[in-house]
């Protein structure tokens, strides 16, 4: 199966295995042991990270955020897609 180069609304996303993540005052810090790199996520990024602990479509993530935050749907969708594409480029998530 060839993976898409870009995550779209119907793409299923999930946290990549092999990462150690910890909550630090509402923000998530992740360590990729294989690569020896770490990443920090702000509050909303941390919430997205929680939502993709189990496989979800991008659309499901957006719907979940719309229930919790006062944001325009298009803005939320665009921001989530951008964020997830960045995580994917860093090897932090897997897509189906």
PDB file of N, CA and C in Angstrom:
ATOM      1  N   UNK A   1       0.839  -1.187   0.000  1.00  0.00           N
ATOM      2  CA  UNK A   1       0.000   0.000   0.000  1.00  0.00           C
ATOM      3  C   UNK A   1       0.879   1.244   0.000  1.00  0.00           C
ATOM      4  N   UNK A   2       0.609   2.163  -0.885  1.00  0.00           N
ATOM      5  CA  UNK A   2       1.351   3.416  -0.962  1.00  0.00           C
ATOM      6  C   UNK A   2       0.673   4.436  -0.050  1.00  0.00           C
ATOM      7  N   UNK A   3       1.446   5.021   0.854  1.00  0.00           N
ATOM      8  CA  UNK A   3       0.885   6.023   1.757  1.00  0.00           C
ATOM      9  C   UNK A   3       0.778   7.362   1.049  1.00  0.00           C
ATOM     10  N   UNK A   4      -0.287   8.091   1.326  1.00  0.00           N
ATOM     11  CA  UNK A   4      -0.419   9.411   0.714  1.00  0.00           C
ATOM     12  C   UNK A   4       0.651  10.344   1.238  1.00  0.00           C
ATOM     13  N   UNK A   5       0.996  11.329   0.429  1.00  0.00           N
ATOM     14  CA  UNK A   5       2.002  12.300   0.846  1.00  0.00           C
ATOM     15  C   UNK A   5       1.391  13.387   1.710  1.00  0.00           C
ATOM     16  N   UNK A   6       0.076  13.441   1.728  1.00  0.00           N
ATOM     17  CA  UNK A   6      -0.607  14.458   2.501  1.00  0.00           C
ATOM     18  C   UNK A   6      -1.791  13.833   3.216  1.00  0.00           C
ATOM     19  N   UNK A   7      -2.017  14.270   4.432  1.00  0.00           N
ATOM     20  CA  UNK A   7      -3.155  13.798   5.200  1.00  0.00           C
ATOM     21  C   UNK A   7      -4.375  14.603   4.789  1.00  0.00           C
ATOM     22  N   UNK A   8      -5.482  13.901   4.561  1.00  0.00           N
ATOM     23  CA  UNK A   8      -6.724  14.536   4.137  1.00  0.00           C
ATOM     24  C   UNK A   8      -7.807  14.290   5.182  1.00  0.00           C
ATOM     25  N   UNK A   9      -8.980  14.859   4.967  1.00  0.00           N
ATOM     26  CA  UNK A   9     -10.085  14.809   5.914  1.00  0.00           C
ATOM     27  C   UNK A   9     -10.500  13.385   6.286  1.00  0.00           C
ATOM     28  N   UNK A  10     -10.426  12.442   5.336  1.00  0.00           N
ATOM     29  CA  UNK A  10     -10.866  11.073   5.603  1.00  0.00           C
ATOM     30  C   UNK A  10      -9.716  10.119   5.948  1.00  0.00           C
ATOM     31  N   UNK A  11      -8.511  10.650   6.118  1.00  0.00           N
ATOM     32  CA  UNK A  11      -7.354   9.844   6.483  1.00  0.00           C
ATOM     33  C   UNK A  11      -7.483   9.405   7.942  1.00  0.00           C
ATOM     34  N   UNK A  12      -7.156   8.144   8.208  1.00  0.00           N
ATOM     35  CA  UNK A  12      -7.146   7.642   9.580  1.00  0.00           C
ATOM     36  C   UNK A  12      -5.748   7.858  10.141  1.00  0.00           C
ATOM     37  N   UNK A  13      -5.681   8.501  11.309  1.00  0.00           N
ATOM     38  CA  UNK A  13      -4.398   8.811  11.940  1.00  0.00           C
ATOM     39  C   UNK A  13      -4.344   8.202  13.340  1.00  0.00           C
ATOM     40  N   UNK A  14      -3.138   7.855  13.783  1.00  0.00           N
ATOM     41  CA  UNK A  14      -2.930   7.302  15.118  1.00  0.00           C
ATOM     42  C   UNK A  14      -1.498   7.612  15.552  1.00  0.00           C
ATOM     43  N   UNK A  15      -1.290   7.701  16.850  1.00  0.00           N
ATOM     44  CA  UNK A  15       0.053   7.937  17.373  1.00  0.00           C
ATOM     45  C   UNK A  15       0.987   6.827  16.895  1.00  0.00           C
ATOM     46  N   UNK A  16       2.204   7.183  16.555  1.00  0.00           N
ATOM     47  CA  UNK A  16       3.200   6.193  16.162  1.00  0.00           C
ATOM     48  C   UNK A  16       3.669   5.435  17.397  1.00  0.00           C
ATOM     49  N   UNK A  17       3.965   4.149  17.246  1.00  0.00           N
ATOM     50  CA  UNK A  17       4.491   3.393  18.389  1.00  0.00           C
ATOM     51  C   UNK A  17       5.932   3.816  18.684  1.00  0.00           C
ATOM     52  N   UNK A  18       6.387   3.505  19.876  1.00  0.00           N
ATOM     53  CA  UNK A  18       7.788   3.754  20.222  1.00  0.00           C
ATOM     54  C   UNK A  18       8.076   5.142  20.733  1.00  0.00           C
ATOM     55  N   UNK A  19       7.041   5.917  21.030  1.00  0.00           N
ATOM     56  CA  UNK A  19       7.236   7.255  21.575  1.00  0.00           C
ATOM     57  C   UNK A  19       6.901   7.245  23.057  1.00  0.00           C
ATOM     58  N   UNK A  20       7.664   7.992  23.814  1.00  0.00           N
ATOM     59  CA  UNK A  20       7.352   8.194  25.217  1.00  0.00           C
ATOM     60  C   UNK A  20       6.776   9.596  25.333  1.00  0.00           C
ATOM     61  N   UNK A  21       5.584   9.702  25.928  1.00  0.00           N
ATOM     62  CA  UNK A  21       4.926  11.004  26.057  1.00  0.00           C
ATOM     63  C   UNK A  21       4.558  11.235  27.516  1.00  0.00           C
ATOM     64  N   UNK A  22       4.690  12.480  27.937  1.00  0.00           N
ATOM     65  CA  UNK A  22       4.330  12.849  29.309  1.00  0.00           C
ATOM     66  C   UNK A  22       3.628  14.194  29.294  1.00  0.00           C
ATOM     67  N   UNK A  23       2.670  14.348  30.206  1.00  0.00           N
ATOM     68  CA  UNK A  23       1.956  15.606  30.364  1.00  0.00           C
ATOM     69  C   UNK A  23       2.719  16.483  31.342  1.00  0.00           C
ATOM     70  N   UNK A  24       2.945  17.734  30.936  1.00  0.00           N
ATOM     71  CA  UNK A  24       3.622  18.688  31.803  1.00  0.00           C
ATOM     72  C   UNK A  24       2.806  19.974  31.827  1.00  0.00           C
ATOM     73  N   UNK A  25       1.969  20.113  32.844  1.00  0.00           N
ATOM     74  CA  UNK A  25       1.136  21.301  33.013  1.00  0.00           C
ATOM     75  C   UNK A  25       0.269  21.599  31.787  1.00  0.00           C
ATOM     76  N   UNK A  26      -0.405  20.576  31.268  1.00  0.00           N
ATOM     77  CA  UNK A  26      -1.319  20.766  30.144  1.00  0.00           C
ATOM     78  C   UNK A  26      -0.662  20.716  28.782  1.00  0.00           C
ATOM     79  N   UNK A  27       0.639  20.542  28.748  1.00  0.00           N
ATOM     80  CA  UNK A  27       1.351  20.392  27.481  1.00  0.00           C
ATOM     81  C   UNK A  27       1.972  19.001  27.438  1.00  0.00           C
ATOM     82  N   UNK A  28       2.148  18.484  26.244  1.00  0.00           N
ATOM     83  CA  UNK A  28       2.702  17.148  26.086  1.00  0.00           C
ATOM     84  C   UNK A  28       4.133  17.241  25.574  1.00  0.00           C
ATOM     85  N   UNK A  29       5.006  16.481  26.210  1.00  0.00           N
ATOM     86  CA  UNK A  29       6.394  16.364  25.770  1.00  0.00           C
ATOM     87  C   UNK A  29       6.581  14.921  25.325  1.00  0.00           C
ATOM     88  N   UNK A  30       7.128  14.749  24.103  1.00  0.00           N
ATOM     89  CA  UNK A  30       7.311  13.415  23.546  1.00  0.00           C
ATOM     90  C   UNK A  30       8.779  13.182  23.234  1.00  0.00           C
ATOM     91  N   UNK A  31       9.208  11.950  23.439  1.00  0.00           N
ATOM     92  CA  UNK A  31      10.574  11.550  23.135  1.00  0.00           C
ATOM     93  C   UNK A  31      10.531  10.381  22.167  1.00  0.00           C
ATOM     94  N   UNK A  32      11.225  10.538  21.059  1.00  0.00           N
ATOM     95  CA  UNK A  32      11.387   9.447  20.097  1.00  0.00           C
ATOM     96  C   UNK A  32      12.742   8.812  20.404  1.00  0.00           C
ATOM     97  N   UNK A  33      12.717   7.667  21.055  1.00  0.00           N
ATOM     98  CA  UNK A  33      13.947   7.022  21.503  1.00  0.00           C
ATOM     99  C   UNK A  33      14.812   6.600  20.326  1.00  0.00           C
ATOM    100  N   UNK A  34      14.186   6.082  19.263  1.00  0.00           N
ATOM    101  CA  UNK A  34      14.945   5.619  18.094  1.00  0.00           C
ATOM    102  C   UNK A  34      15.744   6.746  17.456  1.00  0.00           C
ATOM    103  N   UNK A  35      15.137   7.931  17.349  1.00  0.00           N
ATOM    104  CA  UNK A  35      15.790   9.057  16.687  1.00  0.00           C
ATOM    105  C   UNK A  35      16.530   9.966  17.657  1.00  0.00           C
ATOM    106  N   UNK A  36      16.257   9.806  18.950  1.00  0.00           N
ATOM    107  CA  UNK A  36      16.899  10.653  19.938  1.00  0.00           C
ATOM    108  C   UNK A  36      16.428  12.100  19.879  1.00  0.00           C
ATOM    109  N   UNK A  37      15.167  12.304  19.510  1.00  0.00           N
ATOM    110  CA  UNK A  37      14.625  13.652  19.407  1.00  0.00           C
ATOM    111  C   UNK A  37      13.427  13.796  20.329  1.00  0.00           C
ATOM    112  N   UNK A  38      13.173  15.032  20.734  1.00  0.00           N
ATOM    113  CA  UNK A  38      11.976  15.267  21.532  1.00  0.00           C
ATOM    114  C   UNK A  38      11.176  16.404  20.928  1.00  0.00           C
ATOM    115  N   UNK A  39       9.889  16.396  21.262  1.00  0.00           N
ATOM    116  CA  UNK A  39       8.952  17.363  20.715  1.00  0.00           C
ATOM    117  C   UNK A  39       8.028  17.823  21.829  1.00  0.00           C
ATOM    118  N   UNK A  40       7.607  19.070  21.753  1.00  0.00           N
ATOM    119  CA  UNK A  40       6.650  19.604  22.713  1.00  0.00           C
ATOM    120  C   UNK A  40       5.388  20.059  22.002  1.00  0.00           C
ATOM    121  N   UNK A  41       4.249  19.780  22.620  1.00  0.00           N
ATOM    122  CA  UNK A  41       2.957  20.175  22.056  1.00  0.00           C
ATOM    123  C   UNK A  41       2.251  21.102  23.028  1.00  0.00           C
ATOM    124  N   UNK A  42       1.666  22.183  22.507  1.00  0.00           N
ATOM    125  CA  UNK A  42       0.901  23.102  23.357  1.00  0.00           C
ATOM    126  C   UNK A  42      -0.424  22.454  23.745  1.00  0.00           C
ATOM    127  N   UNK A  43      -1.283  23.200  24.407  1.00  0.00           N
ATOM    128  CA  UNK A  43      -2.541  22.665  24.910  1.00  0.00           C
ATOM    129  C   UNK A  43      -3.419  22.028  23.863  1.00  0.00           C
ATOM    130  N   UNK A  44      -3.660  22.711  22.743  1.00  0.00           N
ATOM    131  CA  UNK A  44      -4.525  22.155  21.699  1.00  0.00           C
ATOM    132  C   UNK A  44      -3.817  21.006  20.983  1.00  0.00           C
ATOM    133  N   UNK A  45      -2.528  21.164  20.734  1.00  0.00           N
ATOM    134  CA  UNK A  45      -1.767  20.062  20.141  1.00  0.00           C
ATOM    135  C   UNK A  45      -1.809  18.830  21.030  1.00  0.00           C
ATOM    136  N   UNK A  46      -1.735  19.057  22.343  1.00  0.00           N
ATOM    137  CA  UNK A  46      -1.817  17.947  23.295  1.00  0.00           C
ATOM    138  C   UNK A  46      -3.186  17.278  23.239  1.00  0.00           C
ATOM    139  N   UNK A  47      -4.229  18.071  23.071  1.00  0.00           N
ATOM    140  CA  UNK A  47      -5.579  17.503  22.979  1.00  0.00           C
ATOM    141  C   UNK A  47      -5.729  16.661  21.720  1.00  0.00           C
ATOM    142  N   UNK A  48      -5.195  17.148  20.605  1.00  0.00           N
ATOM    143  CA  UNK A  48      -5.218  16.361  19.366  1.00  0.00           C
ATOM    144  C   UNK A  48      -4.466  15.054  19.587  1.00  0.00           C
ATOM    145  N   UNK A  49      -3.325  15.121  20.250  1.00  0.00           N
ATOM    146  CA  UNK A  49      -2.520  13.936  20.545  1.00  0.00           C
ATOM    147  C   UNK A  49      -3.338  12.913  21.340  1.00  0.00           C
ATOM    148  N   UNK A  50      -4.092  13.401  22.328  1.00  0.00           N
ATOM    149  CA  UNK A  50      -4.958  12.513  23.107  1.00  0.00           C
ATOM    150  C   UNK A  50      -6.024  11.877  22.220  1.00  0.00           C
ATOM    151  N   UNK A  51      -6.605  12.665  21.331  1.00  0.00           N
ATOM    152  CA  UNK A  51      -7.677  12.162  20.475  1.00  0.00           C
ATOM    153  C   UNK A  51      -7.196  11.079  19.506  1.00  0.00           C
ATOM    154  N   UNK A  52      -5.925  11.098  19.146  1.00  0.00           N
ATOM    155  CA  UNK A  52      -5.425  10.100  18.195  1.00  0.00           C
ATOM    156  C   UNK A  52      -4.642   8.983  18.897  1.00  0.00           C
ATOM    157  N   UNK A  53      -4.900   8.830  20.189  1.00  0.00           N
ATOM    158  CA  UNK A  53      -4.304   7.690  20.892  1.00  0.00           C
ATOM    159  C   UNK A  53      -4.778   6.389  20.249  1.00  0.00           C
ATOM    160  N   UNK A  54      -6.042   6.393  19.805  1.00  0.00           N
ATOM    161  CA  UNK A  54      -6.609   5.293  19.035  1.00  0.00           C
ATOM    162  C   UNK A  54      -6.899   5.836  17.637  1.00  0.00           C
ATOM    163  N   UNK A  55      -6.921   4.978  16.617  1.00  0.00           N
ATOM    164  CA  UNK A  55      -7.140   5.462  15.249  1.00  0.00           C
ATOM    165  C   UNK A  55      -8.450   6.236  15.090  1.00  0.00           C
ATOM    166  N   UNK A  56      -8.346   7.410  14.484  1.00  0.00           N
ATOM    167  CA  UNK A  56      -9.505   8.256  14.178  1.00  0.00           C
ATOM    168  C   UNK A  56      -9.278   8.900  12.816  1.00  0.00           C
ATOM    169  N   UNK A  57     -10.373   9.198  12.129  1.00  0.00           N
ATOM    170  CA  UNK A  57     -10.224   9.993  10.913  1.00  0.00           C
ATOM    171  C   UNK A  57      -9.960  11.434  11.331  1.00  0.00           C
ATOM    172  N   UNK A  58      -9.378  12.184  10.444  1.00  0.00           N
ATOM    173  CA  UNK A  58      -9.151  13.606  10.708  1.00  0.00           C
ATOM    174  C   UNK A  58     -10.488  14.282  10.998  1.00  0.00           C
ATOM    175  N   UNK A  59     -11.514  13.901  10.255  1.00  0.00           N
ATOM    176  CA  UNK A  59     -12.844  14.488  10.457  1.00  0.00           C
ATOM    177  C   UNK A  59     -13.330  14.265  11.885  1.00  0.00           C
ATOM    178  N   UNK A  60     -13.102  13.067  12.438  1.00  0.00           N
ATOM    179  CA  UNK A  60     -13.511  12.773  13.814  1.00  0.00           C
ATOM    180  C   UNK A  60     -12.757  13.662  14.811  1.00  0.00           C
ATOM    181  N   UNK A  61     -11.489  13.898  14.544  1.00  0.00           N
ATOM    182  CA  UNK A  61     -10.691  14.774  15.414  1.00  0.00           C
ATOM    183  C   UNK A  61     -11.261  16.194  15.374  1.00  0.00           C
ATOM    184  N   UNK A  62     -11.560  16.681  14.166  1.00  0.00           N
ATOM    185  CA  UNK A  62     -12.110  18.031  14.012  1.00  0.00           C
ATOM    186  C   UNK A  62     -13.446  18.145  14.754  1.00  0.00           C
ATOM    187  N   UNK A  63     -14.319  17.161  14.584  1.00  0.00           N
ATOM    188  CA  UNK A  63     -15.623  17.184  15.259  1.00  0.00           C
ATOM    189  C   UNK A  63     -15.429  17.221  16.779  1.00  0.00           C
ATOM    190  N   UNK A  64     -14.492  16.441  17.291  1.00  0.00           N
ATOM    191  CA  UNK A  64     -14.216  16.451  18.720  1.00  0.00           C
ATOM    192  C   UNK A  64     -13.746  17.813  19.211  1.00  0.00           C
ATOM    193  N   UNK A  65     -12.883  18.454  18.448  1.00  0.00           N
ATOM    194  CA  UNK A  65     -12.380  19.777  18.833  1.00  0.00           C
ATOM    195  C   UNK A  65     -13.469  20.838  18.756  1.00  0.00           C
ATOM    196  N   UNK A  66     -14.343  20.726  17.764  1.00  0.00           N
ATOM    197  CA  UNK A  66     -15.427  21.702  17.621  1.00  0.00           C
ATOM    198  C   UNK A  66     -16.371  21.667  18.823  1.00  0.00           C
ATOM    199  N   UNK A  67     -16.491  20.511  19.457  1.00  0.00           N
ATOM    200  CA  UNK A  67     -17.334  20.380  20.644  1.00  0.00           C
ATOM    201  C   UNK A  67     -16.689  21.047  21.868  1.00  0.00           C
ATOM    202  N   UNK A  68     -15.363  21.150  21.843  1.00  0.00           N
ATOM    203  CA  UNK A  68     -14.628  21.639  23.013  1.00  0.00           C
ATOM    204  C   UNK A  68     -14.161  23.089  22.894  1.00  0.00           C
ATOM    205  N   UNK A  69     -13.970  23.564  21.673  1.00  0.00           N
ATOM    206  CA  UNK A  69     -13.394  24.900  21.462  1.00  0.00           C
ATOM    207  C   UNK A  69     -14.309  25.756  20.601  1.00  0.00           C
ATOM    208  N   UNK A  70     -14.282  27.041  20.849  1.00  0.00           N
ATOM    209  CA  UNK A  70     -15.052  28.003  20.067  1.00  0.00           C
ATOM    210  C   UNK A  70     -14.205  28.429  18.875  1.00  0.00           C
ATOM    211  N   UNK A  71     -14.375  27.723  17.764  1.00  0.00           N
ATOM    212  CA  UNK A  71     -13.568  27.961  16.571  1.00  0.00           C
ATOM    213  C   UNK A  71     -14.426  27.671  15.345  1.00  0.00           C
ATOM    214  N   UNK A  72     -14.150  28.398  14.273  1.00  0.00           N
ATOM    215  CA  UNK A  72     -14.847  28.144  13.004  1.00  0.00           C
ATOM    216  C   UNK A  72     -14.421  26.768  12.472  1.00  0.00           C
ATOM    217  N   UNK A  73     -15.363  26.037  11.904  1.00  0.00           N
ATOM    218  CA  UNK A  73     -15.076  24.691  11.422  1.00  0.00           C
ATOM    219  C   UNK A  73     -13.956  24.667  10.381  1.00  0.00           C
ATOM    220  N   UNK A  74     -13.988  25.569   9.424  1.00  0.00           N
ATOM    221  CA  UNK A  74     -12.966  25.603   8.363  1.00  0.00           C
ATOM    222  C   UNK A  74     -11.586  25.887   8.947  1.00  0.00           C
ATOM    223  N   UNK A  75     -11.516  26.827   9.879  1.00  0.00           N
ATOM    224  CA  UNK A  75     -10.245  27.152  10.525  1.00  0.00           C
ATOM    225  C   UNK A  75      -9.720  25.940  11.285  1.00  0.00           C
ATOM    226  N   UNK A  76     -10.602  25.289  12.030  1.00  0.00           N
ATOM    227  CA  UNK A  76     -10.213  24.107  12.797  1.00  0.00           C
ATOM    228  C   UNK A  76      -9.703  23.010  11.868  1.00  0.00           C
ATOM    229  N   UNK A  77     -10.438  22.748  10.802  1.00  0.00           N
ATOM    230  CA  UNK A  77     -10.037  21.704   9.863  1.00  0.00           C
ATOM    231  C   UNK A  77      -8.676  22.017   9.241  1.00  0.00           C
ATOM    232  N   UNK A  78      -8.491  23.242   8.790  1.00  0.00           N
ATOM    233  CA  UNK A  78      -7.214  23.629   8.176  1.00  0.00           C
ATOM    234  C   UNK A  78      -6.059  23.487   9.164  1.00  0.00           C
ATOM    235  N   UNK A  79      -6.284  23.949  10.405  1.00  0.00           N
ATOM    236  CA  UNK A  79      -5.226  23.888  11.421  1.00  0.00           C
ATOM    237  C   UNK A  79      -4.893  22.454  11.805  1.00  0.00           C
ATOM    238  N   UNK A  80      -5.921  21.616  11.931  1.00  0.00           N
ATOM    239  CA  UNK A  80      -5.692  20.208  12.280  1.00  0.00           C
ATOM    240  C   UNK A  80      -4.929  19.504  11.160  1.00  0.00           C
ATOM    241  N   UNK A  81      -5.319  19.739   9.912  1.00  0.00           N
ATOM    242  CA  UNK A  81      -4.616  19.117   8.784  1.00  0.00           C
ATOM    243  C   UNK A  81      -3.150  19.549   8.739  1.00  0.00           C
ATOM    244  N   UNK A  82      -2.897  20.822   8.935  1.00  0.00           N
ATOM    245  CA  UNK A  82      -1.523  21.323   8.943  1.00  0.00           C
ATOM    246  C   UNK A  82      -0.721  20.669  10.063  1.00  0.00           C
ATOM    247  N   UNK A  83      -1.294  20.638  11.253  1.00  0.00           N
ATOM    248  CA  UNK A  83      -0.632  20.063  12.413  1.00  0.00           C
ATOM    249  C   UNK A  83      -0.333  18.578  12.219  1.00  0.00           C
ATOM    250  N   UNK A  84      -1.320  17.811  11.751  1.00  0.00           N
ATOM    251  CA  UNK A  84      -1.123  16.376  11.560  1.00  0.00           C
ATOM    252  C   UNK A  84      -0.113  16.090  10.451  1.00  0.00           C
ATOM    253  N   UNK A  85      -0.103  16.898   9.411  1.00  0.00           N
ATOM    254  CA  UNK A  85       0.907  16.723   8.366  1.00  0.00           C
ATOM    255  C   UNK A  85       2.309  16.975   8.920  1.00  0.00           C
ATOM    256  N   UNK A  86       2.438  17.926   9.831  1.00  0.00           N
ATOM    257  CA  UNK A  86       3.739  18.185  10.472  1.00  0.00           C
ATOM    258  C   UNK A  86       4.154  17.002  11.345  1.00  0.00           C
ATOM    259  N   UNK A  87       3.208  16.466  12.112  1.00  0.00           N
ATOM    260  CA  UNK A  87       3.517  15.294  12.937  1.00  0.00           C
ATOM    261  C   UNK A  87       3.919  14.108  12.072  1.00  0.00           C
ATOM    262  N   UNK A  88       3.210  13.921  10.958  1.00  0.00           N
ATOM    263  CA  UNK A  88       3.520  12.814  10.065  1.00  0.00           C
ATOM    264  C   UNK A  88       4.924  12.975   9.470  1.00  0.00           C
ATOM    265  N   UNK A  89       5.267  14.182   9.078  1.00  0.00           N
ATOM    266  CA  UNK A  89       6.591  14.441   8.497  1.00  0.00           C
ATOM    267  C   UNK A  89       7.707  14.141   9.497  1.00  0.00           C
ATOM    268  N   UNK A  90       7.404  14.264  10.795  1.00  0.00           N
ATOM    269  CA  UNK A  90       8.391  13.987  11.838  1.00  0.00           C
ATOM    270  C   UNK A  90       8.346  12.516  12.300  1.00  0.00           C
ATOM    271  N   UNK A  91       7.446  11.718  11.717  1.00  0.00           N
ATOM    272  CA  UNK A  91       7.335  10.312  12.080  1.00  0.00           C
ATOM    273  C   UNK A  91       6.629  10.073  13.411  1.00  0.00           C
ATOM    274  N   UNK A  92       5.830  11.048  13.853  1.00  0.00           N
ATOM    275  CA  UNK A  92       5.173  10.936  15.150  1.00  0.00           C
ATOM    276  C   UNK A  92       3.792  10.281  15.081  1.00  0.00           C
ATOM    277  N   UNK A  93       3.233  10.198  13.877  1.00  0.00           N
ATOM    278  CA  UNK A  93       1.946   9.520  13.705  1.00  0.00           C
ATOM    279  C   UNK A  93       2.024   8.570  12.521  1.00  0.00           C
ATOM    280  N   UNK A  94       1.096   7.637  12.506  1.00  0.00           N
ATOM    281  CA  UNK A  94       0.940   6.740  11.376  1.00  0.00           C
ATOM    282  C   UNK A  94      -0.399   7.034  10.726  1.00  0.00           C
ATOM    283  N   UNK A  95      -0.485   6.760   9.430  1.00  0.00           N
ATOM    284  CA  UNK A  95      -1.736   6.988   8.707  1.00  0.00           C
ATOM    285  C   UNK A  95      -2.131   5.729   7.943  1.00  0.00           C
ATOM    286  N   UNK A  96      -3.447   5.578   7.788  1.00  0.00           N
ATOM    287  CA  UNK A  96      -4.000   4.456   7.016  1.00  0.00           C
ATOM    288  C   UNK A  96      -4.826   4.998   5.891  1.00  0.00           C
TER     289      UNK A  96
END
